[in-house]
N, C-alpha and C. Protein backbone atom coordinates (compact mmCIF):
# COMPACT_ATOMS: atom_id res chain seq x y z
N MET A 1 -118.79 -39.79 8.79
CA MET A 1 -119.23 -40.34 7.48
C MET A 1 -120.95 -40.73 7.26
N GLY A 2 -121.32 -40.11 6.30
CA GLY A 2 -123.01 -40.32 6.49
C GLY A 2 -123.35 -41.20 5.19
N LEU A 3 -124.19 -42.10 4.83
CA LEU A 3 -125.13 -43.17 4.27
C LEU A 3 -126.55 -43.00 3.81
N VAL A 4 -126.51 -43.04 2.45
CA VAL A 4 -128.00 -42.08 1.76
C VAL A 4 -128.33 -43.84 1.58
N THR A 5 -129.99 -43.68 2.03
CA THR A 5 -130.81 -45.57 1.59
C THR A 5 -131.63 -44.60 1.00
N ILE A 6 -132.61 -44.75 0.17
CA ILE A 6 -133.33 -44.04 -0.63
C ILE A 6 -134.47 -45.44 -1.26
N ARG A 7 -135.47 -45.11 -0.64
CA ARG A 7 -136.86 -46.09 -1.21
C ARG A 7 -137.66 -45.41 -1.43
N PHE A 8 -138.72 -45.84 -2.65
CA PHE A 8 -140.52 -45.52 -2.40
C PHE A 8 -140.88 -46.59 -3.25
N GLY A 9 -142.10 -46.38 -1.84
CA GLY A 9 -142.94 -47.52 -2.01
C GLY A 9 -142.71 -48.12 -0.59
N SER A 10 -143.47 -49.27 -0.34
CA SER A 10 -143.69 -49.83 0.82
C SER A 10 -142.33 -50.29 1.36
N TRP A 11 -142.32 -50.38 2.74
CA TRP A 11 -141.42 -50.65 3.10
C TRP A 11 -141.23 -52.18 3.65
N PRO A 12 -140.00 -53.13 3.13
CA PRO A 12 -140.00 -54.26 3.70
C PRO A 12 -140.15 -54.93 4.79
N THR A 13 -140.60 -56.26 5.46
CA THR A 13 -141.11 -56.16 6.92
C THR A 13 -139.42 -56.52 7.49
N TYR A 14 -138.48 -56.71 7.22
CA TYR A 14 -137.31 -56.39 7.69
C TYR A 14 -136.63 -54.94 8.13
N ILE A 15 -137.40 -53.90 7.83
CA ILE A 15 -136.72 -53.06 7.88
C ILE A 15 -136.70 -52.18 9.30
N PRO A 16 -137.62 -53.11 10.41
CA PRO A 16 -137.04 -52.64 12.08
C PRO A 16 -135.76 -53.47 12.38
N LEU A 17 -135.11 -54.11 11.65
CA LEU A 17 -133.36 -54.58 11.78
C LEU A 17 -132.90 -53.83 11.36
N VAL A 18 -133.29 -53.74 10.13
CA VAL A 18 -132.45 -52.80 8.99
C VAL A 18 -131.93 -51.43 10.15
N LEU A 19 -133.06 -50.78 10.90
CA LEU A 19 -133.06 -49.08 11.62
C LEU A 19 -131.84 -49.86 13.25
N GLN A 20 -132.22 -51.05 13.15
CA GLN A 20 -131.79 -51.84 14.49
C GLN A 20 -129.75 -51.08 14.15
N THR A 21 -129.88 -51.78 13.25
CA THR A 21 -128.78 -52.13 12.56
C THR A 21 -127.48 -50.69 12.49
N PHE A 22 -128.87 -49.82 11.61
CA PHE A 22 -128.38 -48.41 11.55
C PHE A 22 -127.87 -48.23 13.27
N GLY A 23 -128.80 -48.14 13.74
CA GLY A 23 -128.64 -47.11 15.67
C GLY A 23 -127.74 -48.13 16.02
N ALA A 24 -127.07 -49.29 15.78
CA ALA A 24 -125.94 -50.18 16.48
C ALA A 24 -124.54 -49.26 15.95
N ASN A 25 -124.54 -48.43 14.71
CA ASN A 25 -123.64 -47.92 14.04
C ASN A 25 -123.21 -46.33 14.28
N ALA A 26 -123.54 -46.22 15.25
CA ALA A 26 -123.48 -44.52 16.24
C ALA A 26 -122.52 -43.62 15.42
N ASN A 27 -121.49 -43.94 15.05
CA ASN A 27 -120.38 -43.11 14.40
C ASN A 27 -121.11 -42.96 12.78
N ILE A 28 -122.04 -43.52 12.74
CA ILE A 28 -122.22 -43.07 11.04
C ILE A 28 -123.55 -42.89 11.01
N SER A 29 -123.95 -41.53 9.92
CA SER A 29 -124.91 -40.91 9.69
C SER A 29 -125.78 -41.31 8.91
N PHE A 30 -127.14 -41.69 9.29
CA PHE A 30 -128.15 -42.71 7.74
C PHE A 30 -128.86 -41.54 7.73
N HIS A 31 -129.34 -41.09 6.35
CA HIS A 31 -130.44 -40.40 5.78
C HIS A 31 -131.45 -41.24 4.98
N ILE A 32 -132.34 -41.09 5.26
CA ILE A 32 -133.29 -42.10 4.73
C ILE A 32 -134.32 -41.25 3.62
N PHE A 33 -134.36 -41.13 2.38
CA PHE A 33 -135.47 -40.24 1.38
C PHE A 33 -136.39 -41.45 0.65
N SER A 34 -137.27 -41.14 1.52
CA SER A 34 -138.64 -42.22 0.93
C SER A 34 -140.26 -41.11 0.60
N ASP A 35 -141.13 -41.82 -0.09
CA ASP A 35 -142.15 -41.27 -0.45
C ASP A 35 -143.37 -41.85 0.97
N THR A 36 -143.09 -42.80 1.95
CA THR A 36 -143.43 -43.79 2.37
C THR A 36 -142.62 -43.34 4.11
N ARG A 37 -143.32 -42.21 5.04
CA ARG A 37 -142.37 -42.10 6.24
C ARG A 37 -142.63 -43.74 7.17
N LEU A 38 -141.72 -43.65 8.14
CA LEU A 38 -141.11 -45.13 9.01
C LEU A 38 -142.19 -45.07 9.98
N ALA A 39 -143.06 -45.85 10.54
CA ALA A 39 -143.55 -46.09 11.58
C ALA A 39 -142.89 -46.73 12.59
N TRP A 40 -141.75 -46.75 12.86
CA TRP A 40 -140.93 -46.89 13.71
C TRP A 40 -140.13 -46.12 14.53
N PRO A 41 -139.77 -46.60 15.53
CA PRO A 41 -138.89 -45.24 15.79
C PRO A 41 -137.71 -45.04 15.13
N LEU A 42 -136.92 -43.72 15.57
CA LEU A 42 -135.61 -44.05 14.29
C LEU A 42 -134.35 -43.62 15.63
N PRO A 43 -133.59 -44.82 15.35
CA PRO A 43 -132.71 -44.08 16.36
C PRO A 43 -131.68 -42.66 16.05
N SER A 44 -130.94 -42.27 16.95
CA SER A 44 -130.75 -41.00 17.07
C SER A 44 -130.06 -40.48 15.73
N ASN A 45 -129.06 -40.96 15.20
CA ASN A 45 -128.63 -41.06 13.79
C ASN A 45 -128.90 -41.59 12.83
N VAL A 46 -130.11 -41.91 12.95
CA VAL A 46 -130.95 -41.99 11.35
C VAL A 46 -131.87 -40.25 11.43
N ARG A 47 -132.20 -39.77 9.99
CA ARG A 47 -132.77 -38.69 9.61
C ARG A 47 -133.71 -38.92 8.44
N GLU A 48 -134.80 -38.83 8.60
CA GLU A 48 -135.90 -39.28 7.16
C GLU A 48 -136.16 -38.01 6.56
N HIS A 49 -135.95 -37.97 5.02
CA HIS A 49 -136.52 -37.16 4.33
C HIS A 49 -137.34 -37.24 3.27
N PRO A 50 -138.62 -37.39 4.19
CA PRO A 50 -139.63 -37.45 2.81
C PRO A 50 -139.24 -36.75 1.55
N MET A 51 -139.83 -37.20 0.77
CA MET A 51 -139.55 -36.60 -0.93
C MET A 51 -140.49 -37.86 -1.72
N THR A 52 -141.19 -37.15 -2.72
CA THR A 52 -141.89 -38.15 -3.73
C THR A 52 -140.69 -38.65 -4.77
N ILE A 53 -140.66 -39.44 -5.33
CA ILE A 53 -139.92 -39.76 -6.79
C ILE A 53 -139.80 -38.99 -7.44
N ALA A 54 -140.91 -37.91 -7.94
CA ALA A 54 -140.64 -36.90 -9.20
C ALA A 54 -139.85 -35.83 -8.37
N GLU A 55 -139.94 -35.39 -7.01
CA GLU A 55 -138.94 -34.54 -6.05
C GLU A 55 -137.76 -35.03 -6.40
N PHE A 56 -137.24 -36.40 -5.65
CA PHE A 56 -136.16 -36.84 -5.72
C PHE A 56 -135.59 -36.78 -7.12
N LEU A 57 -136.02 -37.37 -8.04
CA LEU A 57 -135.64 -37.57 -9.76
C LEU A 57 -134.98 -35.99 -10.50
N GLY A 58 -136.06 -34.80 -9.80
CA GLY A 58 -136.13 -33.45 -9.78
C GLY A 58 -134.51 -33.12 -9.41
N LEU A 59 -134.18 -33.10 -8.29
CA LEU A 59 -133.46 -32.92 -7.42
C LEU A 59 -132.12 -33.53 -7.89
N ALA A 60 -132.12 -34.80 -8.58
CA ALA A 60 -130.94 -35.56 -8.96
C ALA A 60 -130.31 -34.67 -10.35
N ARG A 61 -131.21 -34.47 -11.30
CA ARG A 61 -131.28 -34.11 -12.21
C ARG A 61 -130.64 -32.76 -12.36
N ALA A 62 -131.00 -31.95 -11.25
CA ALA A 62 -130.10 -30.71 -11.28
C ALA A 62 -128.56 -30.89 -10.24
N LYS A 63 -128.78 -31.67 -9.61
CA LYS A 63 -127.27 -31.98 -9.28
C LYS A 63 -126.34 -32.53 -9.73
N ILE A 64 -126.70 -33.51 -11.02
CA ILE A 64 -125.99 -34.31 -11.96
C ILE A 64 -125.55 -33.83 -13.25
N GLY A 65 -126.56 -32.95 -13.65
CA GLY A 65 -126.68 -32.90 -15.08
C GLY A 65 -126.97 -33.65 -16.44
N ALA A 66 -127.64 -34.93 -15.54
CA ALA A 66 -128.39 -35.66 -16.29
C ALA A 66 -130.15 -35.76 -16.22
N THR A 67 -130.62 -36.02 -17.53
CA THR A 67 -132.12 -36.05 -17.58
C THR A 67 -132.32 -38.24 -16.68
N LEU A 68 -132.71 -38.17 -15.83
CA LEU A 68 -133.07 -39.40 -14.99
C LEU A 68 -134.02 -40.24 -15.60
N THR A 69 -134.13 -41.33 -16.48
CA THR A 69 -135.19 -41.61 -16.69
C THR A 69 -136.25 -42.49 -16.29
N SER A 70 -135.31 -43.24 -14.72
CA SER A 70 -136.74 -44.13 -14.41
C SER A 70 -135.61 -44.57 -13.35
N MET A 71 -135.89 -45.31 -12.35
CA MET A 71 -135.77 -45.83 -11.45
C MET A 71 -136.11 -47.15 -10.94
N ASP A 72 -135.79 -47.90 -10.58
CA ASP A 72 -135.94 -49.55 -10.11
C ASP A 72 -135.05 -49.96 -9.75
N ASN A 73 -135.16 -51.55 -9.46
CA ASN A 73 -134.58 -52.64 -8.70
C ASN A 73 -132.62 -52.58 -8.71
N GLY A 74 -132.76 -52.25 -10.02
CA GLY A 74 -131.78 -52.38 -11.19
C GLY A 74 -130.71 -51.39 -11.08
N GLY A 75 -131.60 -50.04 -10.24
CA GLY A 75 -130.62 -48.80 -10.01
C GLY A 75 -131.14 -47.60 -11.27
N VAL A 76 -130.39 -46.46 -11.33
CA VAL A 76 -130.97 -45.40 -11.07
C VAL A 76 -130.45 -45.30 -12.83
N HIS A 77 -131.55 -45.44 -14.28
CA HIS A 77 -130.94 -45.30 -15.38
C HIS A 77 -131.02 -43.34 -15.79
N ALA A 78 -129.84 -43.22 -16.89
CA ALA A 78 -129.77 -41.89 -16.94
C ALA A 78 -129.43 -41.60 -18.09
N VAL A 79 -129.73 -40.54 -18.85
CA VAL A 79 -129.19 -40.15 -20.08
C VAL A 79 -128.36 -39.01 -19.45
N HIS A 80 -126.99 -38.98 -19.68
CA HIS A 80 -126.28 -37.57 -19.65
C HIS A 80 -126.24 -36.91 -20.89
N HIS A 81 -126.16 -35.53 -20.76
CA HIS A 81 -126.39 -34.16 -21.68
C HIS A 81 -124.91 -33.58 -22.11
């Protein structure tokens, strides 16, 4: 099983605890997409994927066939074609 985490901007102060929790779940692969590199050691089941928000929105548009208008704390806002 794999889980995706998407974060653009700075990391919260509790991210080391999140990474520790990810590491404690070795049977799950975690994929982190972000424009800010992690400054902490990554557990072996965590993969970091550097990506800008523009790159992410372009990829999402191509994959789901919708124009993504924005992304914020409320989620992704899309207009389907």
